[in-house]
Amino acid sequence: MLSNPMTSVNNVLRVQSEIQEYFQRISALSSNAKLYLVATSLQGLSFGIWGVIFNLYLNLREVGFQPDFISYMFTAWGIATGLVALPAGLICEHIGTKKALILSLTANFANLVQVVVLQPSFLLTASLASGLIGTLGWVASAPFMMENSRQEERTFLFSVSWALMIIMAL
């Protein structure tokens, strides 16, 4: 069965039009919202790289960590993240969402230090610290986007933010 060439052209034009609309909507966002999308992209990229490269690095024979220890590190991070989520909301209300987002980026320094200091106790402590501090950013992100967008932009901003985080983490 042959497809109608006009239907294919119309589909391409429709997709092209929708892509242009997305870029127009992004350009209409506030500068804080645009910067947040850039930060989300960079955070997703670093999260993806960190998750793969650091695990492979720790698992190298020369470094010497076994997969069970690496899983302990991620468990420590996950537990810390879960335990601090509710208090993080109170902290965000107290210091503000923008400051909470900036503070949460310091969790990246705990991750960087892990590459240099390969002591098991320090790695576990740094994983805990990263989970505790990094959670502030996750908790602050939704209120920050709400504060820095108009009601008609919010669904779009949330969806673009999430899409960028996931795509960049791959």
Foldseek 3Di string as FASTA:
>chain_A
DDDDVVVVVVVVVVVVVVVVVLVVLLVPFDPLLVVLLVVLLVVLQCLLCLVPVVVVVCCDVVNPDDPVLVVLLVVLLVVLLVVQLVVLLVVCVVPHLVVLLVQLCCLVVLSVVCVVDVDSVSSSVSSSVNSNSNSNNVNSVLVSLVVRGDPVCSVVSVVSSVVSSNVSSD
